[in-house]
Amino acid sequence: MLDPFGGVASTLVGAIKHGRIGIGAEINKKYYRLGEQRLETAVTEMKAVSKMKKADRPTSLDSIL
């Protein structure tokens, strides 16, 4: 999925939560940095979920993100 107006990366975080690949662009450095931080957090949380035993995983990723 392509998000040419990335902002704080809400669309890309949603893509990560649903196992999709996304590409985003943001011209404003402030929003770029905020989005970068949000993406790093989302990836870290997804890695933690994937390491859990299947029975211990939450049924909805929204409950942990």
N, C-alpha and C. Protein backbone atom coordinates (compact mmCIF):
# COMPACT_ATOMS: atom_id res chain seq x y z
N MET A 1 0.85 -1.14 0.00
CA MET A 1 0.00 0.00 0.00
C MET A 1 0.90 1.21 0.00
N LEU A 2 0.47 2.26 -0.68
CA LEU A 2 1.25 3.48 -0.81
C LEU A 2 0.53 4.63 -0.14
N ASP A 3 1.23 5.35 0.71
CA ASP A 3 0.68 6.53 1.37
C ASP A 3 1.59 7.72 1.05
N PRO A 4 1.26 8.51 0.03
CA PRO A 4 2.15 9.60 -0.38
C PRO A 4 2.14 10.78 0.58
N PHE A 5 1.18 10.83 1.50
CA PHE A 5 1.12 11.90 2.50
C PHE A 5 1.15 11.24 3.87
N GLY A 6 2.31 10.73 4.26
CA GLY A 6 2.46 9.85 5.41
C GLY A 6 2.10 10.42 6.76
N GLY A 7 2.28 11.71 6.96
CA GLY A 7 1.99 12.28 8.28
C GLY A 7 2.75 11.55 9.36
N VAL A 8 2.03 11.13 10.39
CA VAL A 8 2.68 10.42 11.50
C VAL A 8 2.59 8.91 11.34
N ALA A 9 2.36 8.45 10.12
CA ALA A 9 2.42 7.04 9.74
C ALA A 9 1.27 6.18 10.24
N SER A 10 0.11 6.78 10.49
CA SER A 10 -1.04 5.99 10.96
C SER A 10 -1.41 4.88 9.98
N THR A 11 -1.40 5.20 8.69
CA THR A 11 -1.74 4.20 7.68
C THR A 11 -0.72 3.07 7.65
N LEU A 12 0.55 3.41 7.79
CA LEU A 12 1.60 2.38 7.77
C LEU A 12 1.55 1.52 9.03
N VAL A 13 1.24 2.11 10.16
CA VAL A 13 1.09 1.32 11.39
C VAL A 13 -0.07 0.35 11.22
N GLY A 14 -1.17 0.81 10.62
CA GLY A 14 -2.30 -0.08 10.34
C GLY A 14 -1.90 -1.22 9.41
N ALA A 15 -1.08 -0.91 8.42
CA ALA A 15 -0.61 -1.95 7.49
C ALA A 15 0.20 -3.00 8.24
N ILE A 16 1.07 -2.56 9.14
CA ILE A 16 1.88 -3.50 9.93
C ILE A 16 0.97 -4.38 10.78
N LYS A 17 -0.04 -3.78 11.42
CA LYS A 17 -0.95 -4.54 12.28
C LYS A 17 -1.70 -5.62 11.52
N HIS A 18 -1.89 -5.41 10.22
CA HIS A 18 -2.64 -6.36 9.40
C HIS A 18 -1.75 -7.19 8.49
N GLY A 19 -0.44 -7.15 8.75
CA GLY A 19 0.49 -7.99 8.01
C GLY A 19 0.70 -7.56 6.57
N ARG A 20 0.51 -6.29 6.29
CA ARG A 20 0.68 -5.77 4.93
C ARG A 20 1.99 -5.01 4.81
N ILE A 21 2.43 -4.80 3.60
CA ILE A 21 3.62 -4.01 3.33
C ILE A 21 3.17 -2.63 2.88
N GLY A 22 3.80 -1.60 3.41
CA GLY A 22 3.42 -0.25 3.03
C GLY A 22 4.63 0.62 2.75
N ILE A 23 4.41 1.61 1.92
CA ILE A 23 5.43 2.61 1.62
C ILE A 23 4.80 3.97 1.86
N GLY A 24 5.50 4.81 2.58
CA GLY A 24 4.98 6.14 2.86
C GLY A 24 6.02 7.21 2.58
N ALA A 25 5.54 8.41 2.36
CA ALA A 25 6.42 9.55 2.13
C ALA A 25 5.90 10.73 2.95
N GLU A 26 6.81 11.49 3.50
CA GLU A 26 6.44 12.68 4.26
C GLU A 26 7.53 13.72 4.08
N ILE A 27 7.15 14.92 3.68
CA ILE A 27 8.12 15.98 3.41
C ILE A 27 8.49 16.76 4.69
N ASN A 28 7.56 16.81 5.64
CA ASN A 28 7.78 17.56 6.88
C ASN A 28 8.63 16.72 7.83
N LYS A 29 9.80 17.21 8.20
CA LYS A 29 10.74 16.45 9.04
C LYS A 29 10.15 16.11 10.40
N LYS A 30 9.36 17.02 10.97
CA LYS A 30 8.76 16.78 12.28
C LYS A 30 7.84 15.56 12.23
N TYR A 31 6.96 15.52 11.21
CA TYR A 31 6.04 14.40 11.08
C TYR A 31 6.78 13.12 10.70
N TYR A 32 7.81 13.28 9.89
CA TYR A 32 8.62 12.11 9.51
C TYR A 32 9.20 11.44 10.75
N ARG A 33 9.79 12.24 11.63
CA ARG A 33 10.40 11.68 12.85
C ARG A 33 9.35 11.03 13.76
N LEU A 34 8.20 11.68 13.90
CA LEU A 34 7.13 11.09 14.71
C LEU A 34 6.66 9.77 14.11
N GLY A 35 6.50 9.74 12.80
CA GLY A 35 6.09 8.51 12.12
C GLY A 35 7.13 7.42 12.26
N GLU A 36 8.39 7.80 12.15
CA GLU A 36 9.47 6.83 12.31
C GLU A 36 9.43 6.18 13.68
N GLN A 37 9.20 6.98 14.72
CA GLN A 37 9.12 6.44 16.08
C GLN A 37 7.92 5.50 16.22
N ARG A 38 6.78 5.89 15.65
CA ARG A 38 5.58 5.05 15.73
C ARG A 38 5.79 3.73 15.01
N LEU A 39 6.47 3.78 13.88
CA LEU A 39 6.74 2.54 13.12
C LEU A 39 7.69 1.63 13.88
N GLU A 40 8.72 2.20 14.49
CA GLU A 40 9.65 1.38 15.28
C GLU A 40 8.91 0.69 16.42
N THR A 41 8.02 1.42 17.08
CA THR A 41 7.23 0.85 18.18
C THR A 41 6.33 -0.27 17.66
N ALA A 42 5.66 -0.04 16.55
CA ALA A 42 4.75 -1.05 15.99
C ALA A 42 5.51 -2.32 15.60
N VAL A 43 6.66 -2.17 14.99
CA VAL A 43 7.46 -3.34 14.58
C VAL A 43 7.93 -4.10 15.82
N THR A 44 8.39 -3.38 16.83
CA THR A 44 8.84 -4.02 18.07
C THR A 44 7.70 -4.80 18.73
N GLU A 45 6.51 -4.20 18.77
CA GLU A 45 5.36 -4.88 19.37
C GLU A 45 4.95 -6.11 18.55
N MET A 46 5.02 -6.02 17.24
CA MET A 46 4.67 -7.17 16.41
C MET A 46 5.67 -8.30 16.59
N LYS A 47 6.94 -7.96 16.74
CA LYS A 47 7.95 -9.00 17.00
C LYS A 47 7.67 -9.69 18.33
N ALA A 48 7.27 -8.92 19.34
CA ALA A 48 6.96 -9.51 20.64
C ALA A 48 5.77 -10.45 20.54
N VAL A 49 4.75 -10.06 19.80
CA VAL A 49 3.57 -10.90 19.63
C VAL A 49 3.93 -12.18 18.89
N SER A 50 4.77 -12.07 17.88
CA SER A 50 5.11 -13.26 17.10
C SER A 50 5.94 -14.26 17.91
N LYS A 51 6.61 -13.79 18.96
CA LYS A 51 7.40 -14.70 19.80
C LYS A 51 6.54 -15.40 20.85
N MET A 52 5.32 -14.90 21.09
CA MET A 52 4.45 -15.52 22.08
C MET A 52 3.97 -16.87 21.58
N LYS A 53 3.68 -17.75 22.52
CA LYS A 53 3.04 -19.00 22.16
C LYS A 53 1.66 -18.66 21.60
N LYS A 54 1.20 -19.44 20.67
CA LYS A 54 -0.06 -19.14 20.00
C LYS A 54 -1.21 -18.97 21.00
N ALA A 55 -1.27 -19.78 22.02
CA ALA A 55 -2.35 -19.70 23.00
C ALA A 55 -2.30 -18.41 23.81
N ASP A 56 -1.13 -17.81 23.96
CA ASP A 56 -0.98 -16.61 24.77
C ASP A 56 -1.16 -15.32 23.97
N ARG A 57 -1.27 -15.44 22.64
CA ARG A 57 -1.40 -14.25 21.81
C ARG A 57 -2.78 -13.62 21.99
N PRO A 58 -2.84 -12.30 22.01
CA PRO A 58 -4.15 -11.65 22.06
C PRO A 58 -4.92 -11.91 20.77
N THR A 59 -6.25 -11.92 20.86
CA THR A 59 -7.04 -12.16 19.66
C THR A 59 -7.09 -10.93 18.77
N SER A 60 -6.88 -9.75 19.36
CA SER A 60 -6.88 -8.51 18.59
C SER A 60 -5.60 -7.75 18.90
N LEU A 61 -4.87 -7.35 17.88
CA LEU A 61 -3.64 -6.60 18.10
C LEU A 61 -3.93 -5.22 18.64
N ASP A 62 -5.15 -4.69 18.45
CA ASP A 62 -5.50 -3.39 18.97
C ASP A 62 -5.40 -3.36 20.49
N SER A 63 -5.57 -4.50 21.13
CA SER A 63 -5.51 -4.53 22.58
C SER A 63 -4.11 -4.33 23.13
N ILE A 64 -3.08 -4.51 22.30
CA ILE A 64 -1.72 -4.30 22.78
C ILE A 64 -1.06 -3.10 22.14
N LEU A 65 -1.62 -2.59 21.05
CA LEU A 65 -1.00 -1.46 20.35
C LEU A 65 -1.64 -0.19 20.71
